[in-house]
Amino acid sequence: MQNLKILNSKEKKEILNILKKQFGFEGKLDYVFLKNEKGKLYCINSEFSSIDLSKLRINTLGLYFARQVDNTIRLTIEGSQIIGKNASKNIVEITKEEMLDWLKGNDLTKEVSSKEFIILKHKTDFLGCGKCKEGKIFNYVPKGRRINLN
């Protein structure tokens, strides 16, 4: 199993504070958080702590939620869907055409006032996280998850 550290309550509170500062997140996350050496955050049901892992052969645990880079968080598609409905800032609404372009893996040309990671949203769907810089939103959708539309 990859080297995952179970975050204690202080470390989890730090993650929640970053989410609040960055996205205005005001919800609850009743998960245990795990972090690897590359800063990837995984979340798993809080009942996880009652399982004796010494008797199991496990390759991976939980849902890849986000990556922590210094004092910022880049959410995965699932991470944006988990916190999006309780977030109040750094959310950018995009059109259907922009959504299709995004899901193909393309960067978007769009003027956004934020210079941080933002959550992309089309109507009620949260589509992941992008980084804004100089009139562009940089795409982080992994190649294996991009949609090939002809």
N, C-alpha and C. Protein backbone atom coordinates (compact mmCIF):
# COMPACT_ATOMS: atom_id res chain seq x y z
N MET A 1 0.84 -1.18 0.00
CA MET A 1 0.00 0.00 0.00
C MET A 1 0.88 1.24 0.00
N GLN A 2 0.44 2.26 -0.72
CA GLN A 2 1.22 3.48 -0.72
C GLN A 2 1.27 4.08 0.68
N ASN A 3 2.23 4.91 0.94
CA ASN A 3 2.44 5.48 2.25
C ASN A 3 1.41 6.57 2.53
N LEU A 4 0.35 6.22 3.24
CA LEU A 4 -0.71 7.15 3.57
C LEU A 4 -0.70 7.45 5.06
N LYS A 5 -0.81 8.73 5.38
CA LYS A 5 -0.85 9.16 6.77
C LYS A 5 -2.29 9.55 7.10
N ILE A 6 -2.81 9.04 8.20
CA ILE A 6 -4.14 9.44 8.65
C ILE A 6 -4.00 10.78 9.34
N LEU A 7 -4.76 11.78 8.87
CA LEU A 7 -4.66 13.11 9.45
C LEU A 7 -5.39 13.17 10.79
N ASN A 8 -4.75 13.80 11.76
CA ASN A 8 -5.39 13.98 13.05
C ASN A 8 -6.37 15.16 12.99
N SER A 9 -7.08 15.43 14.06
CA SER A 9 -8.11 16.47 14.04
C SER A 9 -7.54 17.86 13.76
N LYS A 10 -6.33 18.13 14.25
CA LYS A 10 -5.70 19.42 13.98
C LYS A 10 -5.39 19.58 12.50
N GLU A 11 -4.86 18.53 11.88
CA GLU A 11 -4.53 18.57 10.45
C GLU A 11 -5.79 18.65 9.60
N LYS A 12 -6.84 17.95 10.01
CA LYS A 12 -8.12 18.03 9.30
C LYS A 12 -8.70 19.43 9.40
N LYS A 13 -8.58 20.04 10.57
CA LYS A 13 -9.08 21.41 10.77
C LYS A 13 -8.33 22.38 9.86
N GLU A 14 -7.03 22.15 9.67
CA GLU A 14 -6.23 22.99 8.77
C GLU A 14 -6.76 22.89 7.33
N ILE A 15 -7.09 21.66 6.90
CA ILE A 15 -7.65 21.45 5.55
C ILE A 15 -8.98 22.20 5.43
N LEU A 16 -9.83 22.08 6.44
CA LEU A 16 -11.13 22.77 6.42
C LEU A 16 -10.96 24.28 6.40
N ASN A 17 -9.96 24.79 7.11
CA ASN A 17 -9.69 26.24 7.11
C ASN A 17 -9.24 26.72 5.73
N ILE A 18 -8.41 25.92 5.05
CA ILE A 18 -7.98 26.27 3.70
C ILE A 18 -9.19 26.28 2.76
N LEU A 19 -10.07 25.26 2.88
CA LEU A 19 -11.27 25.20 2.05
C LEU A 19 -12.17 26.42 2.30
N LYS A 20 -12.26 26.83 3.56
CA LYS A 20 -13.08 28.01 3.89
C LYS A 20 -12.47 29.28 3.30
N LYS A 21 -11.17 29.44 3.46
CA LYS A 21 -10.48 30.63 2.94
C LYS A 21 -10.53 30.67 1.41
N GLN A 22 -10.29 29.55 0.77
CA GLN A 22 -10.17 29.49 -0.68
C GLN A 22 -11.52 29.47 -1.39
N PHE A 23 -12.49 28.72 -0.85
CA PHE A 23 -13.76 28.54 -1.53
C PHE A 23 -14.98 29.01 -0.73
N GLY A 24 -14.77 29.54 0.47
CA GLY A 24 -15.90 29.94 1.30
C GLY A 24 -16.71 28.75 1.77
N PHE A 25 -16.07 27.59 1.90
CA PHE A 25 -16.76 26.35 2.27
C PHE A 25 -17.24 26.42 3.71
N GLU A 26 -18.53 26.17 3.92
CA GLU A 26 -19.14 26.24 5.25
C GLU A 26 -19.80 24.94 5.67
N GLY A 27 -19.51 23.84 5.01
CA GLY A 27 -20.18 22.59 5.33
C GLY A 27 -19.39 21.72 6.29
N LYS A 28 -19.90 20.52 6.50
CA LYS A 28 -19.24 19.52 7.33
C LYS A 28 -18.71 18.42 6.44
N LEU A 29 -17.57 17.89 6.79
CA LEU A 29 -17.01 16.74 6.07
C LEU A 29 -16.75 15.64 7.10
N ASP A 30 -17.69 14.72 7.21
CA ASP A 30 -17.58 13.64 8.19
C ASP A 30 -16.80 12.47 7.60
N TYR A 31 -15.55 12.74 7.27
CA TYR A 31 -14.67 11.74 6.69
C TYR A 31 -13.37 11.70 7.48
N VAL A 32 -12.67 10.59 7.34
CA VAL A 32 -11.28 10.51 7.78
C VAL A 32 -10.47 10.91 6.55
N PHE A 33 -9.46 11.75 6.74
CA PHE A 33 -8.61 12.17 5.64
C PHE A 33 -7.26 11.47 5.73
N LEU A 34 -6.80 11.04 4.57
CA LEU A 34 -5.49 10.41 4.44
C LEU A 34 -4.67 11.25 3.48
N LYS A 35 -3.37 11.32 3.72
CA LYS A 35 -2.51 12.14 2.86
C LYS A 35 -1.26 11.35 2.51
N ASN A 36 -0.87 11.40 1.22
CA ASN A 36 0.37 10.73 0.83
C ASN A 36 1.51 11.72 0.78
N GLU A 37 2.70 11.23 0.46
CA GLU A 37 3.89 12.08 0.47
C GLU A 37 3.89 13.14 -0.63
N LYS A 38 3.02 13.00 -1.64
CA LYS A 38 2.93 13.99 -2.71
C LYS A 38 1.86 15.04 -2.44
N GLY A 39 1.21 14.99 -1.27
CA GLY A 39 0.20 15.98 -0.91
C GLY A 39 -1.20 15.62 -1.37
N LYS A 40 -1.39 14.40 -1.93
CA LYS A 40 -2.72 13.99 -2.35
C LYS A 40 -3.55 13.64 -1.12
N LEU A 41 -4.78 14.17 -1.08
CA LEU A 41 -5.69 13.92 0.02
C LEU A 41 -6.78 12.95 -0.42
N TYR A 42 -7.02 11.97 0.40
CA TYR A 42 -8.06 10.98 0.15
C TYR A 42 -9.05 11.06 1.31
N CYS A 43 -10.32 10.85 1.03
CA CYS A 43 -11.30 10.81 2.11
C CYS A 43 -11.95 9.44 2.13
N ILE A 44 -12.30 9.02 3.33
CA ILE A 44 -12.89 7.70 3.53
C ILE A 44 -13.89 7.81 4.67
N ASN A 45 -14.88 6.94 4.67
CA ASN A 45 -15.91 6.92 5.70
C ASN A 45 -15.27 6.88 7.09
N SER A 46 -15.87 7.60 8.03
CA SER A 46 -15.29 7.68 9.37
C SER A 46 -15.30 6.34 10.11
N GLU A 47 -16.08 5.36 9.65
CA GLU A 47 -16.09 4.04 10.27
C GLU A 47 -14.84 3.23 9.91
N PHE A 48 -14.02 3.79 9.05
CA PHE A 48 -12.76 3.17 8.63
C PHE A 48 -11.87 2.84 9.82
N SER A 49 -11.90 3.67 10.86
CA SER A 49 -11.01 3.48 12.00
C SER A 49 -11.30 2.20 12.77
N SER A 50 -12.46 1.60 12.57
CA SER A 50 -12.81 0.36 13.29
C SER A 50 -12.30 -0.90 12.57
N ILE A 51 -11.67 -0.75 11.42
CA ILE A 51 -11.18 -1.90 10.64
C ILE A 51 -9.74 -2.21 11.03
N ASP A 52 -9.44 -3.48 11.24
CA ASP A 52 -8.08 -3.92 11.51
C ASP A 52 -7.36 -4.13 10.18
N LEU A 53 -6.53 -3.17 9.82
CA LEU A 53 -5.86 -3.21 8.51
C LEU A 53 -4.71 -4.21 8.45
N SER A 54 -4.24 -4.66 9.59
CA SER A 54 -3.10 -5.57 9.60
C SER A 54 -3.42 -6.92 8.95
N LYS A 55 -4.70 -7.26 8.86
CA LYS A 55 -5.10 -8.54 8.28
C LYS A 55 -5.55 -8.42 6.82
N LEU A 56 -5.41 -7.24 6.26
CA LEU A 56 -5.88 -7.01 4.90
C LEU A 56 -4.72 -6.64 3.98
N ARG A 57 -4.87 -7.01 2.72
CA ARG A 57 -3.92 -6.58 1.69
C ARG A 57 -4.63 -5.50 0.88
N ILE A 58 -4.17 -4.27 1.01
CA ILE A 58 -4.87 -3.13 0.40
C ILE A 58 -3.90 -2.38 -0.51
N ASN A 59 -4.37 -2.07 -1.73
CA ASN A 59 -3.57 -1.28 -2.66
C ASN A 59 -3.80 0.21 -2.48
N THR A 60 -5.03 0.59 -2.20
CA THR A 60 -5.36 2.00 -2.04
C THR A 60 -6.60 2.12 -1.16
N LEU A 61 -6.79 3.31 -0.61
CA LEU A 61 -7.93 3.55 0.27
C LEU A 61 -8.60 4.87 -0.08
N GLY A 62 -9.90 4.90 -0.03
CA GLY A 62 -10.64 6.15 -0.11
C GLY A 62 -10.77 6.72 -1.51
N LEU A 63 -11.34 7.89 -1.52
CA LEU A 63 -11.61 8.64 -2.74
C LEU A 63 -10.59 9.76 -2.85
N TYR A 64 -9.93 9.86 -4.00
CA TYR A 64 -8.98 10.96 -4.22
C TYR A 64 -9.79 12.24 -4.25
N PHE A 65 -9.59 13.09 -3.26
CA PHE A 65 -10.39 14.27 -3.01
C PHE A 65 -9.73 15.56 -3.52
N ALA A 66 -8.43 15.70 -3.25
CA ALA A 66 -7.74 16.95 -3.59
C ALA A 66 -6.24 16.75 -3.46
N ARG A 67 -5.52 17.77 -3.89
CA ARG A 67 -4.08 17.82 -3.67
C ARG A 67 -3.77 19.12 -2.95
N GLN A 68 -3.00 19.00 -1.86
CA GLN A 68 -2.60 20.18 -1.11
C GLN A 68 -1.23 20.62 -1.58
N VAL A 69 -1.15 21.88 -2.01
CA VAL A 69 0.10 22.46 -2.44
C VAL A 69 0.31 23.71 -1.60
N ASP A 70 1.28 23.65 -0.69
CA ASP A 70 1.51 24.72 0.28
C ASP A 70 0.21 25.01 1.02
N ASN A 71 -0.29 26.23 0.92
CA ASN A 71 -1.53 26.60 1.61
C ASN A 71 -2.71 26.73 0.66
N THR A 72 -2.68 25.96 -0.41
CA THR A 72 -3.82 25.94 -1.34
C THR A 72 -4.24 24.49 -1.57
N ILE A 73 -5.47 24.35 -2.05
CA ILE A 73 -5.99 23.03 -2.35
C ILE A 73 -6.53 23.03 -3.77
N ARG A 74 -6.12 22.01 -4.54
CA ARG A 74 -6.67 21.80 -5.88
C ARG A 74 -7.59 20.59 -5.80
N LEU A 75 -8.87 20.83 -5.94
CA LEU A 75 -9.86 19.77 -5.83
C LEU A 75 -9.90 18.89 -7.07
N THR A 76 -10.22 17.63 -6.88
CA THR A 76 -10.50 16.75 -8.01
C THR A 76 -11.94 17.02 -8.46
N ILE A 77 -12.37 16.34 -9.50
CA ILE A 77 -13.76 16.48 -9.95
C ILE A 77 -14.69 16.09 -8.80
N GLU A 78 -14.42 14.95 -8.15
CA GLU A 78 -15.25 14.51 -7.04
C GLU A 78 -15.17 15.46 -5.85
N GLY A 79 -13.98 15.98 -5.59
CA GLY A 79 -13.82 16.95 -4.50
C GLY A 79 -14.66 18.19 -4.74
N SER A 80 -14.70 18.67 -6.00
CA SER A 80 -15.52 19.85 -6.30
C SER A 80 -17.00 19.54 -6.13
N GLN A 81 -17.39 18.30 -6.42
CA GLN A 81 -18.79 17.92 -6.26
C GLN A 81 -19.16 17.79 -4.79
N ILE A 82 -18.22 17.36 -3.95
CA ILE A 82 -18.49 17.22 -2.52
C ILE A 82 -18.63 18.58 -1.85
N ILE A 83 -17.74 19.52 -2.15
CA ILE A 83 -17.80 20.81 -1.44
C ILE A 83 -18.52 21.91 -2.21
N GLY A 84 -18.75 21.72 -3.51
CA GLY A 84 -19.30 22.78 -4.35
C GLY A 84 -20.60 23.39 -3.87
N LYS A 85 -21.52 22.56 -3.41
CA LYS A 85 -22.84 23.09 -3.01
C LYS A 85 -22.76 23.91 -1.72
N ASN A 86 -21.68 23.77 -0.96
CA ASN A 86 -21.50 24.54 0.27
C ASN A 86 -20.39 25.58 0.14
N ALA A 87 -19.97 25.85 -1.08
CA ALA A 87 -18.93 26.85 -1.33
C ALA A 87 -19.59 28.15 -1.77
N SER A 88 -18.95 29.27 -1.43
CA SER A 88 -19.55 30.56 -1.76
C SER A 88 -18.63 31.49 -2.55
N LYS A 89 -17.40 31.10 -2.80
CA LYS A 89 -16.52 31.96 -3.59
C LYS A 89 -15.59 31.14 -4.46
N ASN A 90 -14.98 31.81 -5.43
CA ASN A 90 -14.11 31.18 -6.42
C ASN A 90 -14.81 30.06 -7.18
N ILE A 91 -16.08 30.32 -7.51
CA ILE A 91 -16.86 29.42 -8.35
C ILE A 91 -17.14 30.18 -9.65
N VAL A 92 -16.80 29.57 -10.77
CA VAL A 92 -16.99 30.21 -12.06
C VAL A 92 -18.03 29.42 -12.85
N GLU A 93 -19.09 30.11 -13.22
CA GLU A 93 -20.15 29.52 -14.04
C GLU A 93 -19.70 29.55 -15.50
N ILE A 94 -19.83 28.42 -16.18
CA ILE A 94 -19.43 28.36 -17.58
C ILE A 94 -20.61 27.92 -18.45
N THR A 95 -20.50 28.21 -19.73
CA THR A 95 -21.54 27.86 -20.69
C THR A 95 -21.43 26.38 -21.08
N LYS A 96 -22.42 25.89 -21.81
CA LYS A 96 -22.39 24.51 -22.28
C LYS A 96 -21.20 24.26 -23.19
N GLU A 97 -20.92 25.22 -24.08
CA GLU A 97 -19.80 25.08 -25.01
C GLU A 97 -18.48 25.03 -24.24
N GLU A 98 -18.34 25.90 -23.24
CA GLU A 98 -17.12 25.90 -22.42
C GLU A 98 -17.01 24.59 -21.63
N MET A 99 -18.15 24.08 -21.14
CA MET A 99 -18.15 22.81 -20.41
C MET A 99 -17.64 21.67 -21.31
N LEU A 100 -18.14 21.60 -22.54
CA LEU A 100 -17.70 20.55 -23.46
C LEU A 100 -16.22 20.68 -23.76
N ASP A 101 -15.75 21.91 -23.93
CA ASP A 101 -14.33 22.17 -24.17
C ASP A 101 -13.50 21.71 -22.96
N TRP A 102 -13.98 22.03 -21.76
CA TRP A 102 -13.30 21.66 -20.52
C TRP A 102 -13.19 20.14 -20.38
N LEU A 103 -14.30 19.45 -20.65
CA LEU A 103 -14.32 17.99 -20.50
C LEU A 103 -13.44 17.29 -21.54
N LYS A 104 -13.12 17.98 -22.65
CA LYS A 104 -12.18 17.45 -23.63
C LYS A 104 -10.74 17.60 -23.14
N GLY A 105 -10.54 18.40 -22.09
CA GLY A 105 -9.20 18.60 -21.54
C GLY A 105 -8.56 19.91 -21.95
N ASN A 106 -9.33 20.79 -22.58
CA ASN A 106 -8.77 22.06 -23.04
C ASN A 106 -8.81 23.12 -21.95
N ASP A 107 -7.83 24.03 -22.00
CA ASP A 107 -7.87 25.20 -21.13
C ASP A 107 -8.95 26.15 -21.66
N LEU A 108 -9.51 26.96 -20.77
CA LEU A 108 -10.53 27.92 -21.19
C LEU A 108 -9.95 29.32 -21.22
N THR A 109 -10.31 30.07 -22.24
CA THR A 109 -9.95 31.48 -22.29
C THR A 109 -11.11 32.24 -21.69
N LYS A 110 -10.89 32.76 -20.49
CA LYS A 110 -11.97 33.44 -19.76
C LYS A 110 -11.33 34.36 -18.74
N GLU A 111 -11.76 35.59 -18.70
CA GLU A 111 -11.26 36.56 -17.74
C GLU A 111 -11.93 36.30 -16.39
N VAL A 112 -11.13 35.96 -15.40
CA VAL A 112 -11.62 35.70 -14.05
C VAL A 112 -10.79 36.54 -13.09
N SER A 113 -11.46 37.15 -12.11
CA SER A 113 -10.75 38.05 -11.19
C SER A 113 -9.83 37.30 -10.23
N SER A 114 -10.08 36.03 -9.97
CA SER A 114 -9.28 35.26 -9.04
C SER A 114 -7.96 34.82 -9.68
N LYS A 115 -6.94 34.70 -8.88
CA LYS A 115 -5.66 34.16 -9.34
C LYS A 115 -5.36 32.85 -8.60
N GLU A 116 -6.40 32.25 -8.04
CA GLU A 116 -6.29 31.02 -7.27
C GLU A 116 -6.93 29.88 -8.04
N PHE A 117 -7.00 28.72 -7.38
CA PHE A 117 -7.77 27.63 -7.94
C PHE A 117 -9.24 27.97 -7.81
N ILE A 118 -10.01 27.65 -8.83
CA ILE A 118 -11.44 27.94 -8.84
C ILE A 118 -12.20 26.64 -9.14
N ILE A 119 -13.47 26.64 -8.75
CA ILE A 119 -14.35 25.52 -9.06
C ILE A 119 -15.14 25.91 -10.30
N LEU A 120 -15.21 25.02 -11.27
CA LEU A 120 -16.01 25.27 -12.47
C LEU A 120 -17.37 24.61 -12.32
N LYS A 121 -18.39 25.36 -12.76
CA LYS A 121 -19.76 24.90 -12.59
C LYS A 121 -20.55 25.20 -13.86
N HIS A 122 -21.37 24.24 -14.28
CA HIS A 122 -22.32 24.46 -15.37
C HIS A 122 -23.69 24.08 -14.83
N LYS A 123 -24.57 25.07 -14.71
CA LYS A 123 -25.90 24.90 -14.10
C LYS A 123 -25.74 24.31 -12.71
N THR A 124 -26.15 23.06 -12.48
CA THR A 124 -26.01 22.47 -11.15
C THR A 124 -24.85 21.48 -11.06
N ASP A 125 -24.09 21.33 -12.14
CA ASP A 125 -22.99 20.37 -12.17
C ASP A 125 -21.65 21.02 -11.86
N PHE A 126 -20.90 20.42 -10.93
CA PHE A 126 -19.56 20.87 -10.61
C PHE A 126 -18.58 20.00 -11.39
N LEU A 127 -17.66 20.66 -12.12
CA LEU A 127 -16.84 19.97 -13.12
C LEU A 127 -15.37 19.84 -12.77
N GLY A 128 -15.00 20.27 -11.58
CA GLY A 128 -13.60 20.16 -11.19
C GLY A 128 -13.01 21.51 -10.85
N CYS A 129 -11.71 21.54 -10.85
CA CYS A 129 -10.97 22.70 -10.39
C CYS A 129 -9.96 23.13 -11.46
N GLY A 130 -9.80 24.42 -11.62
CA GLY A 130 -8.82 24.96 -12.56
C GLY A 130 -8.04 26.09 -11.92
N LYS A 131 -6.92 26.43 -12.50
CA LYS A 131 -6.07 27.52 -12.00
C LYS A 131 -6.17 28.69 -12.96
N CYS A 132 -6.46 29.86 -12.43
CA CYS A 132 -6.61 31.07 -13.25
C CYS A 132 -5.28 31.80 -13.34
N LYS A 133 -4.97 32.23 -14.56
CA LYS A 133 -3.76 33.03 -14.77
C LYS A 133 -3.85 33.70 -16.13
N GLU A 134 -3.70 35.01 -16.14
CA GLU A 134 -3.61 35.81 -17.36
C GLU A 134 -4.71 35.50 -18.37
N GLY A 135 -5.97 35.50 -17.93
CA GLY A 135 -7.09 35.32 -18.83
C GLY A 135 -7.35 33.90 -19.26
N LYS A 136 -6.73 32.94 -18.59
CA LYS A 136 -6.93 31.52 -18.90
C LYS A 136 -7.27 30.76 -17.63
N ILE A 137 -8.04 29.68 -17.81
CA ILE A 137 -8.28 28.73 -16.73
C ILE A 137 -7.62 27.44 -17.17
N PHE A 138 -6.57 27.04 -16.45
CA PHE A 138 -5.81 25.86 -16.81
C PHE A 138 -6.52 24.60 -16.34
N ASN A 139 -6.59 23.62 -17.23
CA ASN A 139 -7.34 22.40 -17.03
C ASN A 139 -6.49 21.34 -16.33
N TYR A 140 -7.07 20.69 -15.33
CA TYR A 140 -6.39 19.61 -14.61
C TYR A 140 -7.13 18.27 -14.74
N VAL A 141 -8.03 18.16 -15.70
CA VAL A 141 -8.73 16.89 -15.90
C VAL A 141 -7.70 15.87 -16.43
N PRO A 142 -7.53 14.74 -15.72
CA PRO A 142 -6.55 13.75 -16.17
C PRO A 142 -6.90 13.20 -17.56
N LYS A 143 -5.89 12.84 -18.32
CA LYS A 143 -6.10 12.36 -19.70
C LYS A 143 -7.07 11.19 -19.76
N GLY A 144 -7.01 10.30 -18.80
CA GLY A 144 -7.89 9.14 -18.79
C GLY A 144 -9.35 9.46 -18.51
N ARG A 145 -9.63 10.66 -18.05
CA ARG A 145 -11.01 11.06 -17.73
C ARG A 145 -11.59 12.05 -18.72
N ARG A 146 -10.79 12.43 -19.70
CA ARG A 146 -11.28 13.38 -20.70
C ARG A 146 -12.26 12.69 -21.64
N ILE A 147 -13.19 13.49 -22.16
CA ILE A 147 -14.21 12.96 -23.05
C ILE A 147 -13.81 13.26 -24.48
N ASN A 148 -13.86 12.23 -25.33
CA ASN A 148 -13.54 12.40 -26.74
C ASN A 148 -14.84 12.64 -27.50
N LEU A 149 -15.11 13.89 -27.84
CA LEU A 149 -16.33 14.24 -28.59
C LEU A 149 -15.95 14.58 -30.02
N ASN A 150 -16.54 13.88 -30.97
CA ASN A 150 -16.24 14.15 -32.38
C ASN A 150 -17.32 15.00 -32.99
